[in-house]
Amino acid sequence: MTKGDLVMLFTDGLFEVEDATGEFFNEEKLRTTVSRHAALAPEEFFNRVLEDIRKYSQSETFADDVCVVGMQIRHTD
Protein backbone atom coordinates (compact mmCIF):
# COMPACT_ATOMS: atom_id res chain seq x y z
CA MET A 1 0.00 0.00 0.00
CA THR A 2 1.09 3.51 -0.69
CA LYS A 3 0.16 6.93 0.63
CA GLY A 4 -3.22 8.00 -0.74
CA ASP A 5 -4.55 4.48 -1.33
CA LEU A 6 -8.15 3.85 -0.29
CA VAL A 7 -9.18 0.74 1.62
CA MET A 8 -12.79 -0.42 1.48
CA LEU A 9 -14.23 -2.95 3.92
CA PHE A 10 -17.79 -4.19 3.67
CA THR A 11 -20.16 -6.81 5.02
CA ASP A 12 -21.51 -9.68 2.92
CA GLY A 13 -24.86 -7.89 2.86
CA LEU A 14 -23.45 -5.80 0.01
CA PHE A 15 -23.57 -8.86 -2.26
CA GLU A 16 -27.13 -9.64 -1.16
CA VAL A 17 -28.49 -6.39 -2.59
CA GLU A 18 -30.86 -7.26 -5.45
CA ASP A 19 -32.18 -5.30 -8.40
CA ALA A 20 -35.81 -5.41 -9.59
CA THR A 21 -35.18 -8.71 -11.44
CA GLY A 22 -33.63 -10.44 -8.41
CA GLU A 23 -30.05 -10.23 -9.73
CA PHE A 24 -27.51 -9.72 -6.94
CA PHE A 25 -24.95 -6.92 -6.78
CA ASN A 26 -21.80 -9.00 -7.28
CA GLU A 27 -18.01 -8.57 -7.30
CA GLU A 28 -17.94 -7.56 -10.96
CA LYS A 29 -20.53 -4.83 -10.35
CA LEU A 30 -18.57 -3.62 -7.32
CA ARG A 31 -15.33 -3.49 -9.34
CA THR A 32 -17.08 -1.50 -12.07
CA THR A 33 -18.53 0.92 -9.52
CA VAL A 34 -15.19 1.36 -7.73
CA SER A 35 -13.37 1.94 -11.03
CA ARG A 36 -15.93 4.51 -12.16
CA HIS A 37 -15.37 6.63 -9.03
CA ALA A 38 -11.68 5.90 -8.29
CA ALA A 39 -10.47 9.43 -9.10
CA LEU A 40 -12.77 11.09 -6.55
CA ALA A 41 -11.80 12.32 -3.10
CA PRO A 42 -12.41 9.65 -0.42
CA GLU A 43 -15.65 11.05 1.04
CA GLU A 44 -17.17 11.62 -2.40
CA PHE A 45 -15.93 8.20 -3.57
CA PHE A 46 -17.77 6.36 -0.79
CA ASN A 47 -20.88 8.50 -1.16
CA ARG A 48 -21.01 7.69 -4.88
CA VAL A 49 -20.44 3.97 -4.33
CA LEU A 50 -23.34 3.83 -1.85
CA GLU A 51 -25.48 5.92 -4.19
CA ASP A 52 -24.82 3.45 -7.02
CA ILE A 53 -25.76 0.51 -4.79
CA ARG A 54 -29.01 2.24 -3.77
CA LYS A 55 -29.80 2.97 -7.43
CA TYR A 56 -29.12 -0.67 -8.28
CA SER A 57 -31.57 -1.84 -5.62
CA GLN A 58 -34.05 0.92 -6.44
CA SER A 59 -34.51 1.37 -2.70
CA GLU A 60 -33.21 3.56 0.10
CA THR A 61 -33.14 0.54 2.43
CA PHE A 62 -31.61 -2.92 2.12
CA ALA A 63 -33.09 -6.30 3.02
CA ASP A 64 -29.87 -7.33 4.82
CA ASP A 65 -27.36 -5.28 6.79
CA VAL A 66 -24.96 -3.41 4.53
CA CYS A 67 -21.96 -1.75 6.09
CA VAL A 68 -19.21 -0.08 4.09
CA VAL A 69 -16.16 1.32 5.85
CA GLY A 70 -13.48 3.27 4.08
CA MET A 71 -10.12 4.69 4.97
CA GLN A 72 -7.32 6.45 3.19
CA ILE A 73 -3.68 5.58 3.83
CA ARG A 74 -1.97 8.73 5.10
CA HIS A 75 1.44 7.37 6.14
CA THR A 76 3.43 4.33 5.13
CA ASP A 77 6.31 4.50 7.60
PDB file of N, CA and C in Angstrom:
ATOM      1  N   MET A   1       0.836  -1.169   0.000  1.00  0.00           N
ATOM      2  CA  MET A   1       0.000   0.000   0.000  1.00  0.00           C
ATOM      3  C   MET A   1       0.885   1.237   0.000  1.00  0.00           C
ATOM      4  N   THR A   2       0.351   2.261  -0.640  1.00  0.00           N
ATOM      5  CA  THR A   2       1.089   3.513  -0.690  1.00  0.00           C
ATOM      6  C   THR A   2       0.215   4.657  -0.191  1.00  0.00           C
ATOM      7  N   LYS A   3       0.868   5.752   0.143  1.00  0.00           N
ATOM      8  CA  LYS A   3       0.158   6.930   0.627  1.00  0.00           C
ATOM      9  C   LYS A   3      -0.912   7.335  -0.382  1.00  0.00           C
ATOM     10  N   GLY A   4      -2.113   7.597   0.120  1.00  0.00           N
ATOM     11  CA  GLY A   4      -3.219   8.001  -0.744  1.00  0.00           C
ATOM     12  C   GLY A   4      -4.138   6.868  -1.161  1.00  0.00           C
ATOM     13  N   ASP A   5      -3.693   5.619  -0.989  1.00  0.00           N
ATOM     14  CA  ASP A   5      -4.555   4.477  -1.335  1.00  0.00           C
ATOM     15  C   ASP A   5      -5.810   4.486  -0.467  1.00  0.00           C
ATOM     16  N   LEU A   6      -6.909   4.010  -1.036  1.00  0.00           N
ATOM     17  CA  LEU A   6      -8.154   3.854  -0.290  1.00  0.00           C
ATOM     18  C   LEU A   6      -8.367   2.382   0.019  1.00  0.00           C
ATOM     19  N   VAL A   7      -8.847   2.101   1.212  1.00  0.00           N
ATOM     20  CA  VAL A   7      -9.183   0.743   1.623  1.00  0.00           C
ATOM     21  C   VAL A   7     -10.685   0.715   1.883  1.00  0.00           C
ATOM     22  N   MET A   8     -11.337  -0.298   1.337  1.00  0.00           N
ATOM     23  CA  MET A   8     -12.785  -0.419   1.477  1.00  0.00           C
ATOM     24  C   MET A   8     -13.096  -1.769   2.115  1.00  0.00           C
ATOM     25  N   LEU A   9     -13.786  -1.737   3.234  1.00  0.00           N
ATOM     26  CA  LEU A   9     -14.228  -2.948   3.925  1.00  0.00           C
ATOM     27  C   LEU A   9     -15.746  -2.953   3.896  1.00  0.00           C
ATOM     28  N   PHE A  10     -16.328  -4.133   3.750  1.00  0.00           N
ATOM     29  CA  PHE A  10     -17.788  -4.192   3.674  1.00  0.00           C
ATOM     30  C   PHE A  10     -18.290  -5.540   4.149  1.00  0.00           C
ATOM     31  N   THR A  11     -19.536  -5.561   4.580  1.00  0.00           N
ATOM     32  CA  THR A  11     -20.157  -6.810   5.016  1.00  0.00           C
ATOM     33  C   THR A  11     -20.694  -7.573   3.807  1.00  0.00           C
ATOM     34  N   ASP A  12     -20.989  -8.848   4.007  1.00  0.00           N
ATOM     35  CA  ASP A  12     -21.508  -9.678   2.917  1.00  0.00           C
ATOM     36  C   ASP A  12     -22.893  -9.236   2.455  1.00  0.00           C
ATOM     37  N   GLY A  13     -23.554  -8.410   3.261  1.00  0.00           N
ATOM     38  CA  GLY A  13     -24.857  -7.893   2.857  1.00  0.00           C
ATOM     39  C   GLY A  13     -24.793  -7.095   1.566  1.00  0.00           C
ATOM     40  N   LEU A  14     -23.627  -6.556   1.253  1.00  0.00           N
ATOM     41  CA  LEU A  14     -23.453  -5.804   0.010  1.00  0.00           C
ATOM     42  C   LEU A  14     -23.759  -6.681  -1.200  1.00  0.00           C
ATOM     43  N   PHE A  15     -23.346  -7.949  -1.139  1.00  0.00           N
ATOM     44  CA  PHE A  15     -23.566  -8.860  -2.262  1.00  0.00           C
ATOM     45  C   PHE A  15     -24.941  -9.525  -2.210  1.00  0.00           C
ATOM     46  N   GLU A  16     -25.753  -9.141  -1.236  1.00  0.00           N
ATOM     47  CA  GLU A  16     -27.125  -9.640  -1.159  1.00  0.00           C
ATOM     48  C   GLU A  16     -28.136  -8.583  -1.597  1.00  0.00           C
ATOM     49  N   VAL A  17     -27.626  -7.438  -2.046  1.00  0.00           N
ATOM     50  CA  VAL A  17     -28.492  -6.388  -2.594  1.00  0.00           C
ATOM     51  C   VAL A  17     -28.967  -6.859  -3.964  1.00  0.00           C
ATOM     52  N   GLU A  18     -30.273  -6.789  -4.191  1.00  0.00           N
ATOM     53  CA  GLU A  18     -30.861  -7.256  -5.451  1.00  0.00           C
ATOM     54  C   GLU A  18     -31.462  -6.101  -6.236  1.00  0.00           C
ATOM     55  N   ASP A  19     -31.463  -6.264  -7.567  1.00  0.00           N
ATOM     56  CA  ASP A  19     -32.175  -5.300  -8.404  1.00  0.00           C
ATOM     57  C   ASP A  19     -33.618  -5.774  -8.573  1.00  0.00           C
ATOM     58  N   ALA A  20     -34.380  -5.095  -9.412  1.00  0.00           N
ATOM     59  CA  ALA A  20     -35.805  -5.411  -9.591  1.00  0.00           C
ATOM     60  C   ALA A  20     -36.037  -6.806 -10.160  1.00  0.00           C
ATOM     61  N   THR A  21     -35.030  -7.375 -10.848  1.00  0.00           N
ATOM     62  CA  THR A  21     -35.184  -8.708 -11.439  1.00  0.00           C
ATOM     63  C   THR A  21     -34.689  -9.818 -10.518  1.00  0.00           C
ATOM     64  N   GLY A  22     -34.153  -9.441  -9.344  1.00  0.00           N
ATOM     65  CA  GLY A  22     -33.635 -10.440  -8.413  1.00  0.00           C
ATOM     66  C   GLY A  22     -32.165 -10.745  -8.604  1.00  0.00           C
ATOM     67  N   GLU A  23     -31.487 -10.009  -9.504  1.00  0.00           N
ATOM     68  CA  GLU A  23     -30.053 -10.229  -9.726  1.00  0.00           C
ATOM     69  C   GLU A  23     -29.270  -9.536  -8.612  1.00  0.00           C
ATOM     70  N   PHE A  24     -28.299 -10.254  -8.048  1.00  0.00           N
ATOM     71  CA  PHE A  24     -27.510  -9.718  -6.943  1.00  0.00           C
ATOM     72  C   PHE A  24     -26.423  -8.765  -7.427  1.00  0.00           C
ATOM     73  N   PHE A  25     -26.096  -7.804  -6.573  1.00  0.00           N
ATOM     74  CA  PHE A  25     -24.954  -6.917  -6.778  1.00  0.00           C
ATOM     75  C   PHE A  25     -23.735  -7.771  -6.467  1.00  0.00           C
ATOM     76  N   ASN A  26     -22.900  -8.047  -7.461  1.00  0.00           N
ATOM     77  CA  ASN A  26     -21.800  -8.995  -7.284  1.00  0.00           C
ATOM     78  C   ASN A  26     -20.436  -8.304  -7.354  1.00  0.00           C
ATOM     79  N   GLU A  27     -19.369  -9.107  -7.285  1.00  0.00           N
ATOM     80  CA  GLU A  27     -18.007  -8.567  -7.301  1.00  0.00           C
ATOM     81  C   GLU A  27     -17.727  -7.767  -8.562  1.00  0.00           C
ATOM     82  N   GLU A  28     -18.174  -8.263  -9.697  1.00  0.00           N
ATOM     83  CA  GLU A  28     -17.944  -7.557 -10.958  1.00  0.00           C
ATOM     84  C   GLU A  28     -18.610  -6.179 -10.937  1.00  0.00           C
ATOM     85  N   LYS A  29     -19.820  -6.117 -10.441  1.00  0.00           N
ATOM     86  CA  LYS A  29     -20.528  -4.829 -10.353  1.00  0.00           C
ATOM     87  C   LYS A  29     -19.821  -3.890  -9.372  1.00  0.00           C
ATOM     88  N   LEU A  30     -19.309  -4.442  -8.273  1.00  0.00           N
ATOM     89  CA  LEU A  30     -18.572  -3.623  -7.318  1.00  0.00           C
ATOM     90  C   LEU A  30     -17.292  -3.089  -7.955  1.00  0.00           C
ATOM     91  N   ARG A  31     -16.555  -3.941  -8.663  1.00  0.00           N
ATOM     92  CA  ARG A  31     -15.331  -3.493  -9.342  1.00  0.00           C
ATOM     93  C   ARG A  31     -15.621  -2.369 -10.325  1.00  0.00           C
ATOM     94  N   THR A  32     -16.693  -2.524 -11.095  1.00  0.00           N
ATOM     95  CA  THR A  32     -17.081  -1.496 -12.065  1.00  0.00           C
ATOM     96  C   THR A  32     -17.406  -0.187 -11.359  1.00  0.00           C
ATOM     97  N   THR A  33     -18.157  -0.271 -10.281  1.00  0.00           N
ATOM     98  CA  THR A  33     -18.530   0.920  -9.516  1.00  0.00           C
ATOM     99  C   THR A  33     -17.298   1.594  -8.924  1.00  0.00           C
ATOM    100  N   VAL A  34     -16.417   0.815  -8.325  1.00  0.00           N
ATOM    101  CA  VAL A  34     -15.194   1.359  -7.726  1.00  0.00           C
ATOM    102  C   VAL A  34     -14.337   2.023  -8.802  1.00  0.00           C
ATOM    103  N   SER A  35     -14.173   1.378  -9.935  1.00  0.00           N
ATOM    104  CA  SER A  35     -13.368   1.940 -11.030  1.00  0.00           C
ATOM    105  C   SER A  35     -13.950   3.252 -11.535  1.00  0.00           C
ATOM    106  N   ARG A  36     -15.260   3.309 -11.641  1.00  0.00           N
ATOM    107  CA  ARG A  36     -15.929   4.506 -12.157  1.00  0.00           C
ATOM    108  C   ARG A  36     -15.664   5.724 -11.271  1.00  0.00           C
ATOM    109  N   HIS A  37     -15.509   5.512  -9.967  1.00  0.00           N
ATOM    110  CA  HIS A  37     -15.367   6.630  -9.033  1.00  0.00           C
ATOM    111  C   HIS A  37     -13.970   6.745  -8.416  1.00  0.00           C
ATOM    112  N   ALA A  38     -13.014   5.981  -8.909  1.00  0.00           N
ATOM    113  CA  ALA A  38     -11.685   5.901  -8.294  1.00  0.00           C
ATOM    114  C   ALA A  38     -10.950   7.234  -8.195  1.00  0.00           C
ATOM    115  N   ALA A  39     -11.203   8.156  -9.096  1.00  0.00           N
ATOM    116  CA  ALA A  39     -10.473   9.432  -9.099  1.00  0.00           C
ATOM    117  C   ALA A  39     -11.031  10.453  -8.107  1.00  0.00           C
ATOM    118  N   LEU A  40     -12.134  10.142  -7.468  1.00  0.00           N
ATOM    119  CA  LEU A  40     -12.772  11.091  -6.549  1.00  0.00           C
ATOM    120  C   LEU A  40     -12.070  11.132  -5.193  1.00  0.00           C
ATOM    121  N   ALA A  41     -12.283  12.218  -4.479  1.00  0.00           N
ATOM    122  CA  ALA A  41     -11.797  12.320  -3.100  1.00  0.00           C
ATOM    123  C   ALA A  41     -12.496  11.251  -2.262  1.00  0.00           C
ATOM    124  N   PRO A  42     -11.860  10.773  -1.189  1.00  0.00           N
ATOM    125  CA  PRO A  42     -12.413   9.651  -0.419  1.00  0.00           C
ATOM    126  C   PRO A  42     -13.877   9.793  -0.009  1.00  0.00           C
ATOM    127  N   GLU A  43     -14.262  10.909   0.578  1.00  0.00           N
ATOM    128  CA  GLU A  43     -15.648  11.046   1.037  1.00  0.00           C
ATOM    129  C   GLU A  43     -16.624  10.963  -0.134  1.00  0.00           C
ATOM    130  N   GLU A  44     -16.298  11.647  -1.215  1.00  0.00           N
ATOM    131  CA  GLU A  44     -17.165  11.622  -2.397  1.00  0.00           C
ATOM    132  C   GLU A  44     -17.182  10.224  -3.021  1.00  0.00           C
ATOM    133  N   PHE A  45     -16.032   9.566  -3.032  1.00  0.00           N
ATOM    134  CA  PHE A  45     -15.933   8.205  -3.566  1.00  0.00           C
ATOM    135  C   PHE A  45     -16.925   7.284  -2.862  1.00  0.00           C
ATOM    136  N   PHE A  46     -16.891   7.267  -1.526  1.00  0.00           N
ATOM    137  CA  PHE A  46     -17.767   6.361  -0.785  1.00  0.00           C
ATOM    138  C   PHE A  46     -19.231   6.764  -0.904  1.00  0.00           C
ATOM    139  N   ASN A  47     -19.496   8.054  -0.948  1.00  0.00           N
ATOM    140  CA  ASN A  47     -20.878   8.500  -1.165  1.00  0.00           C
ATOM    141  C   ASN A  47     -21.404   8.015  -2.509  1.00  0.00           C
ATOM    142  N   ARG A  48     -20.588   8.115  -3.538  1.00  0.00           N
ATOM    143  CA  ARG A  48     -21.013   7.692  -4.879  1.00  0.00           C
ATOM    144  C   ARG A  48     -21.194   6.181  -4.963  1.00  0.00           C
ATOM    145  N   VAL A  49     -20.302   5.429  -4.330  1.00  0.00           N
ATOM    146  CA  VAL A  49     -20.436   3.967  -4.328  1.00  0.00           C
ATOM    147  C   VAL A  49     -21.765   3.578  -3.674  1.00  0.00           C
ATOM    148  N   LEU A  50     -22.066   4.145  -2.520  1.00  0.00           N
ATOM    149  CA  LEU A  50     -23.335   3.833  -1.847  1.00  0.00           C
ATOM    150  C   LEU A  50     -24.530   4.296  -2.670  1.00  0.00           C
ATOM    151  N   GLU A  51     -24.405   5.430  -3.323  1.00  0.00           N
ATOM    152  CA  GLU A  51     -25.481   5.918  -4.189  1.00  0.00           C
ATOM    153  C   GLU A  51     -25.740   4.933  -5.333  1.00  0.00           C
ATOM    154  N   ASP A  52     -24.668   4.419  -5.933  1.00  0.00           N
ATOM    155  CA  ASP A  52     -24.820   3.446  -7.022  1.00  0.00           C
ATOM    156  C   ASP A  52     -25.494   2.165  -6.540  1.00  0.00           C
ATOM    157  N   ILE A  53     -25.154   1.726  -5.336  1.00  0.00           N
ATOM    158  CA  ILE A  53     -25.760   0.510  -4.792  1.00  0.00           C
ATOM    159  C   ILE A  53     -27.249   0.744  -4.524  1.00  0.00           C
ATOM    160  N   ARG A  54     -27.588   1.907  -3.998  1.00  0.00           N
ATOM    161  CA  ARG A  54     -29.007   2.236  -3.773  1.00  0.00           C
ATOM    162  C   ARG A  54     -29.767   2.298  -5.092  1.00  0.00           C
ATOM    163  N   LYS A  55     -29.157   2.902  -6.108  1.00  0.00           N
ATOM    164  CA  LYS A  55     -29.799   2.970  -7.427  1.00  0.00           C
ATOM    165  C   LYS A  55     -30.006   1.565  -7.987  1.00  0.00           C
ATOM    166  N   TYR A  56     -29.015   0.709  -7.795  1.00  0.00           N
ATOM    167  CA  TYR A  56     -29.118  -0.669  -8.278  1.00  0.00           C
ATOM    168  C   TYR A  56     -30.311  -1.365  -7.641  1.00  0.00           C
ATOM    169  N   SER A  57     -30.480  -1.166  -6.342  1.00  0.00           N
ATOM    170  CA  SER A  57     -31.568  -1.845  -5.622  1.00  0.00           C
ATOM    171  C   SER A  57     -32.901  -1.123  -5.781  1.00  0.00           C
ATOM    172  N   GLN A  58     -32.853   0.089  -6.295  1.00  0.00           N
ATOM    173  CA  GLN A  58     -34.053   0.922  -6.443  1.00  0.00           C
ATOM    174  C   GLN A  58     -34.765   1.089  -5.104  1.00  0.00           C
ATOM    175  N   SER A  59     -33.958   1.222  -4.046  1.00  0.00           N
ATOM    176  CA  SER A  59     -34.512   1.369  -2.703  1.00  0.00           C
ATOM    177  C   SER A  59     -33.537   2.155  -1.835  1.00  0.00           C
ATOM    178  N   GLU A  60     -34.059   2.852  -0.858  1.00  0.00           N
ATOM    179  CA  GLU A  60     -33.214   3.560   0.103  1.00  0.00           C
ATOM    180  C   GLU A  60     -32.791   2.641   1.250  1.00  0.00           C
ATOM    181  N   THR A  61     -33.469   1.494   1.381  1.00  0.00           N
ATOM    182  CA  THR A  61     -33.138   0.542   2.435  1.00  0.00           C
ATOM    183  C   THR A  61     -32.749  -0.791   1.809  1.00  0.00           C
ATOM    184  N   PHE A  62     -32.062  -1.615   2.589  1.00  0.00           N
ATOM    185  CA  PHE A  62     -31.609  -2.916   2.117  1.00  0.00           C
ATOM    186  C   PHE A  62     -32.262  -4.018   2.948  1.00  0.00           C
ATOM    187  N   ALA A  63     -32.473  -5.170   2.332  1.00  0.00           N
ATOM    188  CA  ALA A  63     -33.091  -6.304   3.025  1.00  0.00           C
ATOM    189  C   ALA A  63     -32.168  -6.862   4.107  1.00  0.00           C
ATOM    190  N   ASP A  64     -30.852  -6.824   3.862  1.00  0.00           N
ATOM    191  CA  ASP A  64     -29.871  -7.326   4.822  1.00  0.00           C
ATOM    192  C   ASP A  64     -29.010  -6.145   5.267  1.00  0.00           C
ATOM    193  N   ASP A  65     -28.242  -6.361   6.338  1.00  0.00           N
ATOM    194  CA  ASP A  65     -27.360  -5.285   6.788  1.00  0.00           C
ATOM    195  C   ASP A  65     -26.256  -5.052   5.760  1.00  0.00           C
ATOM    196  N   VAL A  66     -26.037  -3.802   5.442  1.00  0.00           N
ATOM    197  CA  VAL A  66     -24.965  -3.411   4.531  1.00  0.00           C
ATOM    198  C   VAL A  66     -24.135  -2.365   5.257  1.00  0.00           C
ATOM    199  N   CYS A  67     -22.872  -2.684   5.446  1.00  0.00           N
ATOM    200  CA  CYS A  67     -21.956  -1.752   6.092  1.00  0.00           C
ATOM    201  C   CYS A  67     -20.739  -1.600   5.194  1.00  0.00           C
ATOM    202  N   VAL A  68     -20.393  -0.371   4.883  1.00  0.00           N
ATOM    203  CA  VAL A  68     -19.207  -0.082   4.088  1.00  0.00           C
ATOM    204  C   VAL A  68     -18.351   0.877   4.903  1.00  0.00           C
ATOM    205  N   VAL A  69     -17.096   0.497   5.103  1.00  0.00           N
ATOM    206  CA  VAL A  69     -16.156   1.317   5.855  1.00  0.00           C
ATOM    207  C   VAL A  69     -14.993   1.639   4.933  1.00  0.00           C
ATOM    208  N   GLY A  70     -14.594   2.880   4.933  1.00  0.00           N
ATOM    209  CA  GLY A  70     -13.477   3.268   4.081  1.00  0.00           C
ATOM    210  C   GLY A  70     -12.433   4.041   4.846  1.00  0.00           C
ATOM    211  N   MET A  71     -11.202   3.916   4.380  1.00  0.00           N
ATOM    212  CA  MET A  71     -10.116   4.688   4.974  1.00  0.00           C
ATOM    213  C   MET A  71      -9.075   4.983   3.906  1.00  0.00           C
ATOM    214  N   GLN A  72      -8.376   6.071   4.104  1.00  0.00           N
ATOM    215  CA  GLN A  72      -7.316   6.455   3.187  1.00  0.00           C
ATOM    216  C   GLN A  72      -5.988   6.326   3.917  1.00  0.00           C
ATOM    217  N   ILE A  73      -5.010   5.730   3.254  1.00  0.00           N
ATOM    218  CA  ILE A  73      -3.677   5.576   3.830  1.00  0.00           C
ATOM    219  C   ILE A  73      -2.993   6.943   3.823  1.00  0.00           C
ATOM    220  N   ARG A  74      -2.609   7.409   4.995  1.00  0.00           N
ATOM    221  CA  ARG A  74      -1.973   8.727   5.100  1.00  0.00           C
ATOM    222  C   ARG A  74      -0.466   8.623   5.278  1.00  0.00           C
ATOM    223  N   HIS A  75       0.000   7.557   5.918  1.00  0.00           N
ATOM    224  CA  HIS A  75       1.440   7.369   6.144  1.00  0.00           C
ATOM    225  C   HIS A  75       1.792   5.917   5.854  1.00  0.00           C
ATOM    226  N   THR A  76       2.992   5.704   5.393  1.00  0.00           N
ATOM    227  CA  THR A  76       3.427   4.328   5.131  1.00  0.00           C
ATOM    228  C   THR A  76       4.688   3.966   5.901  1.00  0.00           C
ATOM    229  N   ASP A  77       5.099   4.815   6.849  1.00  0.00           N
ATOM    230  CA  ASP A  77       6.313   4.500   7.603  1.00  0.00           C
ATOM    231  C   ASP A  77       6.039   3.698   8.822  1.00  0.00           C
TER     232      ASP A  77
END
